[in-house]
Protein backbone atom coordinates (compact mmCIF):
# COMPACT_ATOMS: atom_id res chain seq x y z
CA UNK A 1 0.11 0.13 -0.24
CA UNK A 2 1.47 3.53 -0.82
CA UNK A 3 1.31 5.90 2.04
CA UNK A 4 1.16 9.67 0.77
CA UNK A 5 3.72 11.76 2.43
CA UNK A 6 1.83 14.34 3.73
CA UNK A 7 4.11 14.91 7.22
CA UNK A 8 8.04 14.39 7.52
CA UNK A 9 7.69 11.23 9.47
CA UNK A 10 5.16 9.64 7.21
CA UNK A 11 8.58 8.45 4.85
CA UNK A 12 9.80 6.26 8.12
CA UNK A 13 8.45 3.05 9.26
CA UNK A 14 9.55 0.34 12.02
CA UNK A 15 10.51 2.81 15.21
CA UNK A 16 13.62 4.16 16.57
CA UNK A 17 14.68 1.69 19.30
CA UNK A 18 14.94 -1.29 16.40
CA UNK A 19 15.97 0.94 13.77
CA UNK A 20 13.82 3.32 11.19
CA UNK A 21 13.40 2.42 7.47
CA UNK A 22 12.01 3.46 4.37
CA UNK A 23 9.66 1.57 2.68
CA UNK A 24 10.77 -2.41 4.04
CA UNK A 25 14.82 -1.10 4.15
CA UNK A 26 16.89 -0.60 7.16
CA UNK A 27 18.24 2.90 7.02
CA UNK A 28 21.13 1.28 9.14
CA UNK A 29 21.89 -1.70 5.94
CA UNK A 30 21.74 1.65 3.39
CA UNK A 31 24.28 2.89 5.25
CA UNK A 32 26.36 0.40 5.62
CA UNK A 33 26.39 -0.23 2.18
CA UNK A 34 26.07 3.00 -0.03
CA UNK A 35 28.08 4.76 3.05
CA UNK A 36 27.06 8.31 4.21
CA UNK A 37 26.26 11.09 3.79
CA UNK A 38 23.65 9.84 1.11
CA UNK A 39 20.25 10.63 0.02
CA UNK A 40 17.42 8.30 0.12
CA UNK A 41 14.49 8.01 -1.74
CA UNK A 42 11.10 6.33 -1.64
CA UNK A 43 9.31 4.77 -4.74
CA UNK A 44 6.31 4.16 -3.25
CA UNK A 45 5.88 7.76 -1.97
CA UNK A 46 7.19 9.38 -4.85
CA UNK A 47 4.07 7.49 -6.79
CA UNK A 48 1.94 8.15 -4.18
CA UNK A 49 2.40 11.98 -4.10
CA UNK A 50 2.46 11.90 -8.43
CA UNK A 51 -1.19 10.04 -7.91
CA UNK A 52 -2.90 12.29 -5.14
CA UNK A 53 -1.74 15.69 -7.27
CA UNK A 54 -3.12 14.27 -10.59
CA UNK A 55 -5.99 12.42 -9.13
CA UNK A 56 -7.77 15.32 -7.88
CA UNK A 57 -6.93 17.31 -10.80
CA UNK A 58 -8.64 14.56 -13.41
CA UNK A 59 -11.34 16.26 -14.51
CA UNK A 60 -9.39 19.02 -15.83
CA UNK A 61 -7.03 16.37 -17.40
CA UNK A 62 -3.96 18.76 -17.14
CA UNK A 63 -0.61 18.33 -18.42
CA UNK A 64 1.56 18.10 -15.04
CA UNK A 65 5.23 19.24 -15.63
CA UNK A 66 7.56 18.06 -13.21
CA UNK A 67 9.74 20.96 -11.99
CA UNK A 68 13.19 19.30 -12.90
CA UNK A 69 14.88 21.79 -10.19
CA UNK A 70 13.37 20.64 -7.80
CA UNK A 71 15.54 16.62 -8.07
CA UNK A 72 17.07 16.05 -11.65
CA UNK A 73 18.18 12.71 -11.18
CA UNK A 74 18.06 10.54 -14.07
CA UNK A 75 15.93 7.59 -12.46
CA UNK A 76 13.49 9.54 -10.71
CA UNK A 77 12.72 11.75 -13.93
CA UNK A 78 12.45 8.30 -15.89
CA UNK A 79 10.03 7.25 -13.19
CA UNK A 80 7.88 10.23 -13.03
CA UNK A 81 8.40 9.98 -17.21
CA UNK A 82 6.71 6.67 -16.91
CA UNK A 83 3.75 7.73 -14.33
CA UNK A 84 3.10 10.32 -17.84
CA UNK A 85 4.91 13.20 -16.21
CA UNK A 86 5.93 16.49 -18.86
CA UNK A 87 8.78 17.98 -17.31
CA UNK A 88 9.51 22.54 -16.59
CA UNK A 89 12.98 22.71 -17.47
CA UNK A 90 14.71 25.60 -17.21
CA UNK A 91 18.06 25.51 -18.74
CA UNK A 92 19.33 23.58 -21.64
CA UNK A 93 21.17 21.35 -19.49
CA UNK A 94 17.44 20.19 -17.73
CA UNK A 95 16.22 19.44 -21.62
CA UNK A 96 19.46 17.07 -22.32
CA UNK A 97 18.66 15.37 -18.85
CA UNK A 98 15.04 14.76 -19.69
CA UNK A 99 15.43 13.39 -23.09
CA UNK A 100 18.47 11.04 -21.29
CA UNK A 101 15.79 9.89 -18.95
CA UNK A 102 13.34 8.98 -21.47
CA UNK A 103 11.35 12.37 -20.72
CA UNK A 104 9.60 13.56 -23.98
CA UNK A 105 10.38 16.94 -25.28
CA UNK A 106 6.93 17.65 -26.52
CA UNK A 107 5.62 17.40 -23.14
CA UNK A 108 8.07 20.04 -21.37
CA UNK A 109 7.96 23.83 -20.97
CA UNK A 110 10.99 25.91 -20.91
CA UNK A 111 11.18 28.37 -18.31
CA UNK A 112 14.04 30.87 -17.06
CA UNK A 113 14.84 34.50 -17.10
CA UNK A 114 18.15 33.82 -19.29
CA UNK A 115 17.50 31.30 -22.06
CA UNK A 116 20.99 31.83 -24.56
CA UNK A 117 20.49 31.43 -28.24
CA UNK A 118 22.18 27.75 -28.13
CA UNK A 119 19.65 26.77 -25.40
CA UNK A 120 16.73 28.30 -27.66
CA UNK A 121 18.45 26.12 -30.46
CA UNK A 122 18.56 23.06 -28.87
CA UNK A 123 15.13 23.61 -27.37
CA UNK A 124 13.54 24.12 -30.82
CA UNK A 125 15.48 21.47 -32.82
CA UNK A 126 14.32 18.89 -30.02
CA UNK A 127 10.49 20.23 -30.23
CA UNK A 128 9.85 21.60 -26.90
CA UNK A 129 5.84 22.34 -26.05
CA UNK A 130 6.49 25.74 -25.13
CA UNK A 131 8.83 28.68 -24.43
CA UNK A 132 8.00 30.33 -21.05
CA UNK A 133 9.12 34.01 -22.20
CA UNK A 134 10.13 36.22 -19.50
CA UNK A 135 11.02 39.40 -21.19
CA UNK A 136 10.80 41.45 -24.30
CA UNK A 137 14.09 41.10 -24.93
CA UNK A 138 13.67 37.33 -24.69
CA UNK A 139 10.42 37.66 -27.13
CA UNK A 140 12.78 39.08 -29.94
CA UNK A 141 15.12 36.75 -29.22
CA UNK A 142 13.26 33.58 -29.83
CA UNK A 143 11.83 35.52 -33.02
CA UNK A 144 15.21 35.69 -34.39
CA UNK A 145 16.73 32.23 -34.10
CA UNK A 146 13.33 30.27 -34.80
CA UNK A 147 13.40 32.90 -38.31
CA UNK A 148 17.59 31.77 -38.97
CA UNK A 149 15.97 27.97 -38.47
CA UNK A 150 12.97 28.16 -40.50
CA UNK A 151 10.44 27.16 -38.08
CA UNK A 152 7.64 28.73 -35.72
CA UNK A 153 8.22 29.23 -31.75
CA UNK A 154 5.60 28.21 -29.68
CA UNK A 155 5.34 30.19 -26.58
CA UNK A 156 3.40 31.60 -23.94
CA UNK A 157 3.89 34.63 -21.43
CA UNK A 158 5.48 34.20 -17.93
CA UNK A 159 3.07 37.30 -16.09
CA UNK A 160 3.63 38.69 -12.67
CA UNK A 161 0.01 38.63 -11.70
CA UNK A 162 1.52 40.91 -8.65
CA UNK A 163 0.01 38.49 -5.94
CA UNK A 164 1.70 38.36 -2.21
CA UNK A 165 2.08 34.15 -1.89
CA UNK A 166 3.41 34.95 2.26
CA UNK A 167 6.14 32.94 1.23
CA UNK A 168 10.09 33.54 1.89
CA UNK A 169 11.16 36.64 0.08
CA UNK A 170 14.14 34.23 -1.84
CA UNK A 171 10.91 31.77 -3.03
CA UNK A 172 8.38 34.78 -3.98
CA UNK A 173 8.45 34.84 -7.63
CA UNK A 174 5.50 37.09 -8.66
CA UNK A 175 5.32 40.02 -7.23
CA UNK A 176 6.18 42.96 -9.58
CA UNK A 177 9.43 43.97 -8.65
CA UNK A 178 10.58 39.74 -9.35
CA UNK A 179 13.29 39.67 -11.64
CA UNK A 180 10.65 36.61 -13.23
CA UNK A 181 8.20 37.26 -15.64
CA UNK A 182 7.12 40.33 -17.31
CA UNK A 183 4.64 43.31 -15.61
CA UNK A 184 0.86 42.64 -15.42
CA UNK A 185 0.61 46.25 -17.18
CA UNK A 186 2.79 45.09 -19.94
CA UNK A 187 1.30 41.92 -20.69
CA UNK A 188 -1.23 42.91 -23.45
CA UNK A 189 1.27 45.12 -25.10
CA UNK A 190 3.94 42.16 -25.65
CA UNK A 191 1.08 39.75 -26.83
CA UNK A 192 0.30 41.99 -29.20
CA UNK A 193 3.94 42.73 -30.11
CA UNK A 194 4.39 38.74 -30.22
CA UNK A 195 1.61 38.33 -32.26
CA UNK A 196 2.82 40.41 -35.17
CA UNK A 197 6.21 38.16 -35.29
CA UNK A 198 6.07 35.84 -38.06
CA UNK A 199 8.28 33.02 -36.22
CA UNK A 200 6.15 33.13 -33.06
CA UNK A 201 3.10 31.36 -32.49
CA UNK A 202 1.34 32.29 -29.21
CA UNK A 203 -0.07 29.35 -27.21
CA UNK A 204 -0.74 30.05 -24.06
CA UNK A 205 -0.06 32.47 -20.81
CA UNK A 206 1.79 31.35 -17.75
CA UNK A 207 2.60 32.63 -14.06
CA UNK A 208 4.30 31.13 -11.19
CA UNK A 209 3.68 33.35 -7.60
CA UNK A 210 6.12 31.30 -5.78
CA UNK A 211 7.15 28.50 -3.59
CA UNK A 212 6.41 26.37 -0.85
CA UNK A 213 3.11 28.28 -0.52
CA UNK A 214 0.83 26.73 2.32
CA UNK A 215 -1.92 29.63 1.47
CA UNK A 216 -4.41 28.53 -1.08
CA UNK A 217 -6.24 32.14 -1.51
CA UNK A 218 -2.59 33.36 -3.96
CA UNK A 219 -3.74 30.72 -5.89
CA UNK A 220 -7.09 31.52 -7.14
CA UNK A 221 -6.09 35.17 -7.04
CA UNK A 222 -3.67 34.93 -9.58
CA UNK A 223 -5.68 32.63 -11.56
CA UNK A 224 -8.40 35.29 -11.89
CA UNK A 225 -5.94 37.69 -13.16
CA UNK A 226 -4.85 34.99 -15.73
CA UNK A 227 -8.48 34.47 -16.94
CA UNK A 228 -9.46 38.74 -16.88
CA UNK A 229 -6.37 38.34 -19.17
CA UNK A 230 -7.38 35.85 -21.09
CA UNK A 231 -10.53 37.38 -21.92
CA UNK A 232 -8.56 40.84 -22.89
CA UNK A 233 -6.94 38.79 -25.66
CA UNK A 234 -9.46 37.42 -27.05
CA UNK A 235 -10.86 40.78 -27.41
CA UNK A 236 -7.80 41.69 -29.32
CA UNK A 237 -7.88 38.70 -31.46
CA UNK A 238 -5.17 36.77 -29.93
CA UNK A 239 -6.58 33.15 -28.82
CA UNK A 240 -4.92 31.77 -26.12
CA UNK A 241 -4.72 27.44 -26.18
CA UNK A 242 -3.63 26.55 -22.97
CA UNK A 243 -3.41 28.35 -19.20
CA UNK A 244 -0.12 27.37 -17.09
CA UNK A 245 -0.84 28.31 -13.54
CA UNK A 246 3.05 26.82 -12.90
CA UNK A 247 3.72 25.33 -9.47
CA UNK A 248 4.67 26.16 -6.07
CA UNK A 249 1.53 24.30 -3.27
CA UNK A 250 3.81 23.92 -0.32
CA UNK A 251 4.85 20.48 1.80
CA UNK A 252 5.10 20.29 5.69
CA UNK A 253 8.68 20.99 6.82
CA UNK A 254 7.36 21.15 10.68
CA UNK A 255 4.29 22.61 11.54
CA UNK A 256 2.80 24.36 8.45
CA UNK A 257 -0.61 22.95 7.22
CA UNK A 258 -0.24 22.06 3.82
CA UNK A 259 -2.95 22.31 1.40
CA UNK A 260 -4.77 19.72 0.49
CA UNK A 261 -4.95 18.58 -3.10
CA UNK A 262 -8.52 18.34 -3.16
CA UNK A 263 -8.62 21.90 -2.13
CA UNK A 264 -6.16 23.19 -4.15
CA UNK A 265 -7.89 20.99 -6.81
CA UNK A 266 -11.27 22.69 -6.52
CA UNK A 267 -10.02 26.26 -7.11
CA UNK A 268 -8.81 25.38 -10.17
CA UNK A 269 -11.70 23.20 -11.05
CA UNK A 270 -13.91 26.04 -9.94
CA UNK A 271 -12.68 28.15 -12.26
CA UNK A 272 -11.63 26.61 -15.33
CA UNK A 273 -14.34 23.45 -15.75
CA UNK A 274 -15.80 23.58 -18.82
CA UNK A 275 -13.20 26.06 -20.57
CA UNK A 276 -11.70 25.51 -23.71
CA UNK A 277 -7.98 25.89 -22.94
CA UNK A 278 -5.85 23.24 -21.81
CA UNK A 279 -4.80 23.53 -17.96
CA UNK A 280 -0.63 23.16 -17.31
CA UNK A 281 0.71 22.93 -14.14
CA UNK A 282 4.44 23.04 -12.96
CA UNK A 283 4.90 20.92 -9.23
CA UNK A 284 8.04 20.24 -7.98
CA UNK A 285 8.46 20.30 -4.13
CA UNK A 286 4.56 18.40 -3.52
CA UNK A 287 5.81 15.91 -5.69
CA UNK A 288 9.34 14.97 -4.17
CA UNK A 289 10.36 17.11 -1.35
CA UNK A 290 8.77 14.73 1.34
CA UNK A 291 9.40 11.35 -0.28
CA UNK A 292 13.35 11.63 0.52
CA UNK A 293 15.82 12.38 3.36
CA UNK A 294 19.64 12.57 3.79
CA UNK A 295 20.89 10.36 5.88
CA UNK A 296 24.36 11.48 7.70
CA UNK A 297 26.70 9.97 10.37
CA UNK A 298 27.58 11.51 13.15
CA UNK A 299 31.71 12.26 13.73
CA UNK A 300 32.17 13.67 16.97
CA UNK A 301 29.95 15.46 19.60
CA UNK A 302 31.35 18.62 21.24
CA UNK A 303 30.45 21.40 23.99
CA UNK A 304 31.21 25.03 23.24
CA UNK A 305 30.31 27.15 26.05
CA UNK A 306 26.31 26.71 26.38
CA UNK A 307 25.82 24.77 22.93
CA UNK A 308 26.41 21.21 22.04
CA UNK A 309 27.45 20.38 18.68
CA UNK A 310 26.41 16.73 16.92
CA UNK A 311 29.22 16.95 14.43
CA UNK A 312 27.99 15.33 11.10
CA UNK A 313 29.48 13.91 7.89
CA UNK A 314 26.81 16.18 5.56
CA UNK A 315 27.31 19.59 5.47
CA UNK A 316 25.99 22.79 3.68
CA UNK A 317 26.89 21.76 0.19
CA UNK A 318 24.49 18.76 0.85
CA UNK A 319 21.84 20.26 2.13
CA UNK A 320 21.81 24.24 1.45
CA UNK A 321 18.29 24.89 2.45
CA UNK A 322 18.85 25.47 6.25
CA UNK A 323 22.15 27.99 5.12
CA UNK A 324 20.12 29.48 2.58
CA UNK A 325 16.86 30.18 4.03
CA UNK A 326 17.51 29.01 7.64
CA UNK A 327 14.89 26.37 6.48
CA UNK A 328 13.80 24.13 9.23
CA UNK A 329 14.58 20.24 8.26
CA UNK A 330 13.10 17.75 11.17
CA UNK A 331 16.09 15.14 12.40
CA UNK A 332 15.56 11.79 13.73
CA UNK A 333 18.33 9.43 15.16
CA UNK A 334 17.92 6.30 13.13
CA UNK A 335 18.21 4.21 16.49
CA UNK A 336 17.72 5.22 19.86
CA UNK A 337 21.09 4.70 22.14
CA UNK A 338 20.09 6.25 25.30
CA UNK A 339 20.20 9.43 26.75
CA UNK A 340 18.66 13.07 24.80
CA UNK A 341 20.58 16.09 24.85
CA UNK A 342 19.87 19.17 22.96
CA UNK A 343 21.97 19.22 20.12
CA UNK A 344 22.87 21.63 16.93
CA UNK A 345 23.61 19.24 14.03
CA UNK A 346 26.60 20.60 12.60
CA UNK A 347 28.52 19.69 9.23
CA UNK A 348 32.58 19.91 8.69
CA UNK A 349 32.46 23.01 5.78
CA UNK A 350 34.41 25.74 7.05
CA UNK A 351 31.52 28.06 7.45
CA UNK A 352 29.82 29.28 10.94
CA UNK A 353 26.57 28.98 8.78
CA UNK A 354 27.19 25.29 8.13
CA UNK A 355 24.18 24.58 10.89
CA UNK A 356 21.90 21.75 9.29
CA UNK A 357 19.57 22.13 12.40
CA UNK A 358 19.40 23.79 15.81
CA UNK A 359 18.30 22.90 19.07
CA UNK A 360 17.38 19.26 18.44
CA UNK A 361 16.83 16.71 21.08
CA UNK A 362 18.44 13.68 20.06
CA UNK A 363 19.71 10.46 21.71
CA UNK A 364 23.22 10.49 19.85
CA UNK A 365 26.49 9.45 19.90
CA UNK A 366 29.61 9.15 17.78
CA UNK A 367 28.74 7.04 15.05
CA UNK A 368 24.59 7.40 15.32
CA UNK A 369 23.02 7.58 11.92
CA UNK A 370 20.63 10.62 11.72
CA UNK A 371 17.59 10.95 9.18
CA UNK A 372 17.68 14.61 8.15
CA UNK A 373 14.17 14.60 6.36
CA UNK A 374 11.96 16.57 3.80
CA UNK A 375 15.30 16.17 1.65
CA UNK A 376 14.33 15.18 -1.77
CA UNK A 377 13.57 18.65 -2.83
CA UNK A 378 16.19 20.69 -3.66
CA UNK A 379 19.07 18.69 -1.97
CA UNK A 380 20.80 17.09 -4.17
CA UNK A 381 19.94 19.74 -6.79
CA UNK A 382 21.60 22.67 -4.96
CA UNK A 383 24.45 20.48 -3.96
CA UNK A 384 27.79 21.54 -4.70
CA UNK A 385 31.48 20.53 -4.23
CA UNK A 386 32.43 23.36 -1.45
CA UNK A 387 35.58 22.37 0.36
CA UNK A 388 36.50 19.80 -2.30
CA UNK A 389 33.43 17.39 -1.33
CA UNK A 390 32.03 14.69 -3.35
CA UNK A 391 28.64 14.77 -3.63
CA UNK A 392 27.12 11.86 -1.67
CA UNK A 393 25.13 8.29 -3.14
CA UNK A 394 21.57 8.48 -4.48
CA UNK A 395 19.45 5.67 -3.51
CA UNK A 396 16.49 4.84 -4.41
CA UNK A 397 14.04 2.12 -2.18
CA UNK A 398 11.53 0.30 -3.96
CA UNK A 399 10.15 -2.42 -1.07
CA UNK A 400 12.53 -4.81 0.03
CA UNK A 401 15.06 -3.08 -2.77
CA UNK A 402 17.93 -0.20 -2.38
CA UNK A 403 18.73 0.63 -5.81
CA UNK A 404 22.15 2.57 -6.45
CA UNK A 405 20.97 5.64 -8.60
CA UNK A 406 23.60 7.82 -8.57
CA UNK A 407 27.23 7.37 -7.71
CA UNK A 408 29.18 9.05 -4.88
CA UNK A 409 31.45 10.91 -6.71
CA UNK A 410 34.80 10.27 -6.36
CA UNK A 411 38.12 12.93 -5.64
CA UNK A 412 39.52 12.04 -8.72
CA UNK A 413 36.51 12.98 -10.83
CA UNK A 414 36.61 16.37 -9.19
CA UNK A 415 39.63 17.76 -10.76
CA UNK A 416 39.51 15.77 -13.67
CA UNK A 417 38.52 18.48 -16.12
CA UNK A 418 41.15 21.24 -14.57
CA UNK A 419 44.24 21.83 -16.76
CA UNK A 420 48.00 22.82 -14.90
CA UNK A 421 49.13 24.73 -17.91
CA UNK A 422 52.60 23.96 -19.17
CA UNK A 423 55.30 26.59 -18.21
CA UNK A 424 57.99 27.85 -20.70
CA UNK A 425 60.10 29.13 -17.59
CA UNK A 426 60.10 28.17 -13.86
CA UNK A 427 58.77 30.15 -11.33
């Protein structure tokens, strides 16, 4: 039976006395086989999240495009493609990943504010479903590239509805001062401009108001503004084939009340049922966020003043969100060992900000395994090699099987593309 991961701990089974599991695989055995740090995902949880998302929206028959930036692992993308997913990409590299994973460019929307000429060419040759255009300059560039290639580029404009999504300012994207999209007051003029370009084919309207949104009213407000725009465009003889409402619906990390899909779907169905425009959505975090964790081992414990630290082998380069957003992730000891104490969970990176969790009551000792939850989205995808740290292995759990889906990087791979130039004279 597939369990929908609504709360971070829903990913776990077993207990922390005998040892925590993901599905039917002990996390201790994952650590022993694949080492730590290690990203661990549940296929069952991913499928349950996908089915929860798509089943509630079935009356609208939408095209659901997973946001590749949330987790670009080829095995994850392949699983989603087999479930019927399209994809939302923000770079040529992400498009190449979709293709390598068996995804279809014809079900892929290309977002992002800085598309290069080569990326536009690649997308046109590949046959992407649509470009989500984010500036007048980009309109002109896509038109020019499409003309040179002797084709028409399918486009929609990403319009900022100037709706406050009530989320972290770093992930609020729909306000008028955002770098993303085009200003609401300029949208009609830009659509008229696009309609006069012979190498563009206007397909839709698009918006994305932010990420990790836990209030539903902003979604309704933004969609109402989009529908108003669609009607204005129709009056000017510019028909719209699809409405892309983006992603952004939040999950529970700590004590947030994540919106139910039934309630989110009702907002869309009430407004779109019976309309001719096709619905597109771009979820990422909602599908994968609580379906993954970061497994790490305690190297040392230490006390500094009034603080007690558990120093682990994972770091901010493996999970950037706490350092970047002061984000909260639940931490669980994989197995109880006796004696709860309050710890800050800190990594080995040489930065004071390398704190993965603060003030957590945990039973940990040197060698203890910890599971940092809700790491399925923006864990691996935002990882880096800072401090010359190889990125972790990634493992997909399928029932009783633990399958390696990304090798742990080796040190030699980190500098294989670096070159020490030959010098004609000694230094």
